[in-house]
Amino acid sequence: MKGWHKALFIVGIAIGSGALIDAALLRPWYLRWGAMDNEPKKSWPGDELVQRPGQCTRGITIHASAERIWPWIMQIGQDRGGFYSYTWLENLFLANMRNADRIVPGL
């Protein structure tokens, strides 16, 4: 086997192995990251709008009432309150993001 054939074979094995590991181990975990065991099986608002609902259910627990959380959700977005994510990651893609640390009136 020539050198470049061998290198191509090794790269193919590495990519194939990575895909198998992702499909068998990682994907089931990250498709339901943070969700409680019963949540992926539930019906959610909007499920009727898609053919196969429930393929990806992620969650996070917030210890606050909906009334306290809703203003934060309403100001999500670029040039608004931000996405409350990893700012360094968003800016890595030149998004020039800043995340609000308070409720901004008017957003």
N, C-alpha and C. Protein backbone atom coordinates (compact mmCIF):
# COMPACT_ATOMS: atom_id res chain seq x y z
N MET A 1 0.86 -1.19 0.00
CA MET A 1 0.00 0.00 0.00
C MET A 1 0.89 1.23 0.00
N LYS A 2 0.62 2.15 -0.93
CA LYS A 2 1.40 3.38 -1.00
C LYS A 2 1.13 4.26 0.22
N GLY A 3 2.05 5.19 0.47
CA GLY A 3 1.97 6.05 1.64
C GLY A 3 0.66 6.82 1.72
N TRP A 4 0.24 7.42 0.59
CA TRP A 4 -0.97 8.23 0.66
C TRP A 4 -2.21 7.35 0.76
N HIS A 5 -2.15 6.12 0.21
CA HIS A 5 -3.27 5.19 0.38
C HIS A 5 -3.44 4.81 1.85
N LYS A 6 -2.30 4.56 2.48
CA LYS A 6 -2.32 4.19 3.89
C LYS A 6 -2.87 5.33 4.74
N ALA A 7 -2.43 6.55 4.45
CA ALA A 7 -2.90 7.73 5.19
C ALA A 7 -4.40 7.91 4.98
N LEU A 8 -4.86 7.75 3.76
CA LEU A 8 -6.29 7.88 3.44
C LEU A 8 -7.10 6.80 4.16
N PHE A 9 -6.56 5.60 4.21
CA PHE A 9 -7.22 4.50 4.90
C PHE A 9 -7.35 4.81 6.39
N ILE A 10 -6.30 5.30 6.99
CA ILE A 10 -6.31 5.64 8.41
C ILE A 10 -7.30 6.76 8.70
N VAL A 11 -7.33 7.77 7.84
CA VAL A 11 -8.28 8.87 8.00
C VAL A 11 -9.71 8.33 7.89
N GLY A 12 -9.95 7.44 6.93
CA GLY A 12 -11.27 6.83 6.77
C GLY A 12 -11.70 6.04 7.99
N ILE A 13 -10.77 5.28 8.55
CA ILE A 13 -11.05 4.51 9.77
C ILE A 13 -11.37 5.47 10.93
N ALA A 14 -10.60 6.53 11.05
CA ALA A 14 -10.81 7.50 12.13
C ALA A 14 -12.17 8.17 12.00
N ILE A 15 -12.53 8.59 10.80
CA ILE A 15 -13.83 9.25 10.58
C ILE A 15 -14.97 8.26 10.83
N GLY A 16 -14.84 7.05 10.33
CA GLY A 16 -15.87 6.03 10.54
C GLY A 16 -16.04 5.70 12.01
N SER A 17 -14.92 5.56 12.72
CA SER A 17 -14.98 5.27 14.15
C SER A 17 -15.65 6.41 14.91
N GLY A 18 -15.29 7.63 14.55
CA GLY A 18 -15.90 8.80 15.19
C GLY A 18 -17.40 8.84 14.95
N ALA A 19 -17.83 8.52 13.73
CA ALA A 19 -19.25 8.51 13.41
C ALA A 19 -19.99 7.43 14.20
N LEU A 20 -19.38 6.27 14.34
CA LEU A 20 -20.00 5.18 15.11
C LEU A 20 -20.10 5.54 16.59
N ILE A 21 -19.05 6.10 17.13
CA ILE A 21 -19.07 6.51 18.55
C ILE A 21 -20.13 7.58 18.77
N ASP A 22 -20.22 8.54 17.84
CA ASP A 22 -21.24 9.58 17.96
C ASP A 22 -22.63 8.97 17.92
N ALA A 23 -22.90 8.11 16.94
CA ALA A 23 -24.24 7.54 16.77
C ALA A 23 -24.63 6.65 17.94
N ALA A 24 -23.68 5.85 18.44
CA ALA A 24 -24.01 4.88 19.47
C ALA A 24 -23.99 5.45 20.88
N LEU A 25 -23.08 6.36 21.16
CA LEU A 25 -22.89 6.83 22.53
C LEU A 25 -23.26 8.28 22.76
N LEU A 26 -22.77 9.16 21.93
CA LEU A 26 -22.92 10.59 22.18
C LEU A 26 -24.29 11.14 21.78
N ARG A 27 -24.76 10.79 20.59
CA ARG A 27 -26.01 11.35 20.07
C ARG A 27 -27.19 11.11 21.00
N PRO A 28 -27.42 9.89 21.50
CA PRO A 28 -28.54 9.69 22.42
C PRO A 28 -28.45 10.60 23.66
N TRP A 29 -27.25 10.86 24.11
CA TRP A 29 -27.06 11.72 25.29
C TRP A 29 -27.34 13.18 24.95
N TYR A 30 -26.74 13.70 23.86
CA TYR A 30 -26.90 15.13 23.62
C TYR A 30 -28.25 15.49 23.01
N LEU A 31 -29.00 14.54 22.49
CA LEU A 31 -30.34 14.85 22.00
C LEU A 31 -31.34 15.04 23.13
N ARG A 32 -30.96 14.60 24.34
CA ARG A 32 -31.86 14.81 25.49
C ARG A 32 -31.12 15.42 26.67
N TRP A 33 -30.08 16.17 26.38
CA TRP A 33 -29.26 16.81 27.41
C TRP A 33 -30.11 17.67 28.32
N GLY A 34 -30.02 17.42 29.61
CA GLY A 34 -30.71 18.22 30.60
C GLY A 34 -32.17 17.87 30.82
N ALA A 35 -32.76 17.05 29.97
CA ALA A 35 -34.18 16.71 30.10
C ALA A 35 -34.36 15.60 31.14
N MET A 36 -35.46 15.67 31.86
CA MET A 36 -35.80 14.60 32.80
C MET A 36 -36.21 13.37 31.99
N ASP A 37 -36.19 12.20 32.60
CA ASP A 37 -36.48 10.95 31.90
C ASP A 37 -37.85 10.95 31.22
N ASN A 38 -38.87 11.58 31.81
CA ASN A 38 -40.21 11.56 31.24
C ASN A 38 -40.42 12.64 30.16
N GLU A 39 -39.59 13.65 30.10
CA GLU A 39 -39.82 14.78 29.20
C GLU A 39 -39.73 14.44 27.71
N PRO A 40 -38.77 13.64 27.25
CA PRO A 40 -38.75 13.34 25.81
C PRO A 40 -39.98 12.60 25.32
N LYS A 41 -40.70 11.93 26.21
CA LYS A 41 -41.89 11.16 25.83
C LYS A 41 -43.17 12.00 25.82
N LYS A 42 -43.12 13.21 26.40
CA LYS A 42 -44.30 14.05 26.51
C LYS A 42 -44.65 14.72 25.18
N SER A 43 -45.89 15.17 25.08
CA SER A 43 -46.30 16.02 23.96
C SER A 43 -46.06 17.47 24.37
N TRP A 44 -45.52 18.25 23.46
CA TRP A 44 -45.20 19.65 23.74
C TRP A 44 -45.92 20.54 22.75
N PRO A 45 -46.19 21.80 23.15
CA PRO A 45 -46.81 22.72 22.19
C PRO A 45 -45.97 22.83 20.93
N GLY A 46 -46.62 22.72 19.79
CA GLY A 46 -45.92 22.78 18.51
C GLY A 46 -45.62 21.42 17.91
N ASP A 47 -45.76 20.35 18.69
CA ASP A 47 -45.51 19.00 18.16
C ASP A 47 -46.41 18.69 16.97
N GLU A 48 -47.60 19.26 16.96
CA GLU A 48 -48.54 19.00 15.86
C GLU A 48 -48.08 19.63 14.54
N LEU A 49 -47.08 20.49 14.60
CA LEU A 49 -46.60 21.19 13.40
C LEU A 49 -45.51 20.43 12.65
N VAL A 50 -44.99 19.36 13.24
CA VAL A 50 -43.91 18.60 12.61
C VAL A 50 -44.32 17.14 12.46
N GLN A 51 -43.71 16.45 11.48
CA GLN A 51 -44.08 15.06 11.21
C GLN A 51 -43.68 14.12 12.33
N ARG A 52 -42.44 14.24 12.81
CA ARG A 52 -41.94 13.33 13.84
C ARG A 52 -41.46 14.12 15.05
N PRO A 53 -42.37 14.55 15.91
CA PRO A 53 -41.96 15.35 17.07
C PRO A 53 -41.20 14.51 18.10
N GLY A 54 -40.47 15.18 18.94
CA GLY A 54 -39.83 14.52 20.06
C GLY A 54 -38.49 13.90 19.79
N GLN A 55 -37.88 14.19 18.66
CA GLN A 55 -36.58 13.61 18.36
C GLN A 55 -35.47 14.25 19.17
N CYS A 56 -35.68 15.47 19.61
CA CYS A 56 -34.66 16.19 20.36
C CYS A 56 -35.33 17.01 21.45
N THR A 57 -35.12 16.63 22.70
CA THR A 57 -35.70 17.35 23.82
C THR A 57 -34.58 17.67 24.79
N ARG A 58 -34.25 18.95 24.91
CA ARG A 58 -33.23 19.37 25.86
C ARG A 58 -33.90 20.21 26.93
N GLY A 59 -33.27 20.28 28.09
CA GLY A 59 -33.90 21.03 29.16
C GLY A 59 -32.91 21.62 30.13
N ILE A 60 -33.42 22.54 30.90
CA ILE A 60 -32.65 23.14 31.98
C ILE A 60 -33.65 23.51 33.07
N THR A 61 -33.26 23.32 34.30
CA THR A 61 -34.13 23.66 35.42
C THR A 61 -33.78 25.06 35.91
N ILE A 62 -34.79 25.90 35.99
CA ILE A 62 -34.62 27.26 36.48
C ILE A 62 -35.50 27.41 37.71
N HIS A 63 -34.91 27.74 38.81
CA HIS A 63 -35.65 27.87 40.05
C HIS A 63 -36.21 29.28 40.20
N ALA A 64 -37.22 29.57 39.36
CA ALA A 64 -37.90 30.87 39.39
C ALA A 64 -39.24 30.71 38.69
N SER A 65 -40.14 31.62 38.96
CA SER A 65 -41.47 31.56 38.34
C SER A 65 -41.40 32.01 36.88
N ALA A 66 -42.41 31.61 36.12
CA ALA A 66 -42.50 32.02 34.71
C ALA A 66 -42.55 33.54 34.58
N GLU A 67 -43.19 34.22 35.52
CA GLU A 67 -43.29 35.67 35.47
C GLU A 67 -41.91 36.33 35.58
N ARG A 68 -41.00 35.71 36.31
CA ARG A 68 -39.65 36.28 36.46
C ARG A 68 -38.75 35.91 35.27
N ILE A 69 -39.03 34.80 34.63
CA ILE A 69 -38.20 34.31 33.52
C ILE A 69 -38.61 34.94 32.19
N TRP A 70 -39.91 35.15 31.99
CA TRP A 70 -40.41 35.62 30.69
C TRP A 70 -39.73 36.90 30.19
N PRO A 71 -39.49 37.93 31.00
CA PRO A 71 -38.82 39.13 30.49
C PRO A 71 -37.41 38.83 29.93
N TRP A 72 -36.72 37.87 30.52
CA TRP A 72 -35.40 37.49 30.01
C TRP A 72 -35.52 36.81 28.64
N ILE A 73 -36.54 35.96 28.50
CA ILE A 73 -36.75 35.28 27.23
C ILE A 73 -37.14 36.28 26.15
N MET A 74 -37.95 37.27 26.49
CA MET A 74 -38.43 38.24 25.51
C MET A 74 -37.32 39.14 24.98
N GLN A 75 -36.21 39.26 25.68
CA GLN A 75 -35.14 40.12 25.17
C GLN A 75 -33.99 39.33 24.52
N ILE A 76 -34.21 38.03 24.30
CA ILE A 76 -33.19 37.21 23.64
C ILE A 76 -33.00 37.67 22.20
N GLY A 77 -31.76 37.71 21.75
CA GLY A 77 -31.45 37.97 20.36
C GLY A 77 -30.25 38.88 20.18
N GLN A 78 -29.68 38.83 18.99
CA GLN A 78 -28.55 39.70 18.67
C GLN A 78 -29.04 41.13 18.60
N ASP A 79 -28.24 42.06 19.04
CA ASP A 79 -28.59 43.48 19.13
C ASP A 79 -29.76 43.70 20.11
N ARG A 80 -29.96 42.74 20.98
CA ARG A 80 -30.97 42.84 22.04
C ARG A 80 -30.27 42.47 23.34
N GLY A 81 -30.79 41.48 24.07
CA GLY A 81 -30.18 41.07 25.32
C GLY A 81 -29.12 39.99 25.16
N GLY A 82 -28.93 39.51 23.94
CA GLY A 82 -27.97 38.44 23.69
C GLY A 82 -28.65 37.08 23.72
N PHE A 83 -27.84 36.04 23.73
CA PHE A 83 -28.37 34.68 23.74
C PHE A 83 -28.08 33.95 25.05
N TYR A 84 -27.48 34.65 26.02
CA TYR A 84 -27.16 34.08 27.33
C TYR A 84 -26.39 32.78 27.17
N SER A 85 -25.46 32.78 26.28
CA SER A 85 -24.66 31.61 25.97
C SER A 85 -23.21 31.92 26.30
N TYR A 86 -22.32 31.19 25.68
CA TYR A 86 -20.90 31.43 25.85
C TYR A 86 -20.49 32.56 24.91
N THR A 87 -20.36 33.75 25.44
CA THR A 87 -20.07 34.93 24.62
C THR A 87 -18.80 34.74 23.81
N TRP A 88 -17.78 34.14 24.41
CA TRP A 88 -16.51 33.93 23.71
C TRP A 88 -16.73 33.05 22.47
N LEU A 89 -17.65 32.08 22.55
CA LEU A 89 -17.91 31.21 21.41
C LEU A 89 -18.67 31.96 20.32
N GLU A 90 -19.67 32.74 20.72
CA GLU A 90 -20.42 33.52 19.74
C GLU A 90 -19.51 34.51 19.04
N ASN A 91 -18.61 35.14 19.77
CA ASN A 91 -17.72 36.13 19.18
C ASN A 91 -16.59 35.49 18.38
N LEU A 92 -16.34 34.20 18.61
CA LEU A 92 -15.37 33.48 17.79
C LEU A 92 -15.80 33.51 16.32
N PHE A 93 -17.12 33.58 16.10
CA PHE A 93 -17.67 33.64 14.75
C PHE A 93 -18.04 35.08 14.37
N LEU A 94 -17.37 36.04 15.01
CA LEU A 94 -17.50 37.47 14.71
C LEU A 94 -18.93 37.98 14.87
N ALA A 95 -19.64 37.47 15.86
CA ALA A 95 -21.03 37.88 16.07
C ALA A 95 -21.12 39.19 16.86
N ASN A 96 -20.03 39.61 17.50
CA ASN A 96 -20.02 40.83 18.32
C ASN A 96 -21.17 40.82 19.33
N MET A 97 -21.26 39.72 20.09
CA MET A 97 -22.36 39.53 21.04
C MET A 97 -22.00 40.07 22.41
N ARG A 98 -23.01 40.60 23.08
CA ARG A 98 -22.93 40.98 24.49
C ARG A 98 -24.20 40.46 25.13
N ASN A 99 -24.08 39.78 26.25
CA ASN A 99 -25.25 39.26 26.95
C ASN A 99 -25.63 40.19 28.09
N ALA A 100 -26.91 40.51 28.17
CA ALA A 100 -27.40 41.39 29.23
C ALA A 100 -27.33 40.68 30.57
N ASP A 101 -27.07 41.44 31.60
CA ASP A 101 -27.07 40.89 32.95
C ASP A 101 -28.22 41.49 33.77
N ARG A 102 -29.15 42.13 33.06
CA ARG A 102 -30.33 42.72 33.71
C ARG A 102 -31.43 42.82 32.65
N ILE A 103 -32.65 43.05 33.11
CA ILE A 103 -33.77 43.27 32.19
C ILE A 103 -33.61 44.68 31.61
N VAL A 104 -33.60 44.77 30.28
CA VAL A 104 -33.44 46.05 29.61
C VAL A 104 -34.83 46.54 29.17
N PRO A 105 -35.32 47.63 29.73
CA PRO A 105 -36.64 48.14 29.34
C PRO A 105 -36.71 48.38 27.83
N GLY A 106 -37.82 48.01 27.25
CA GLY A 106 -38.01 48.21 25.81
C GLY A 106 -37.65 47.00 24.97
N LEU A 107 -37.00 46.02 25.56
CA LEU A 107 -36.68 44.81 24.80
C LEU A 107 -37.68 43.73 25.13
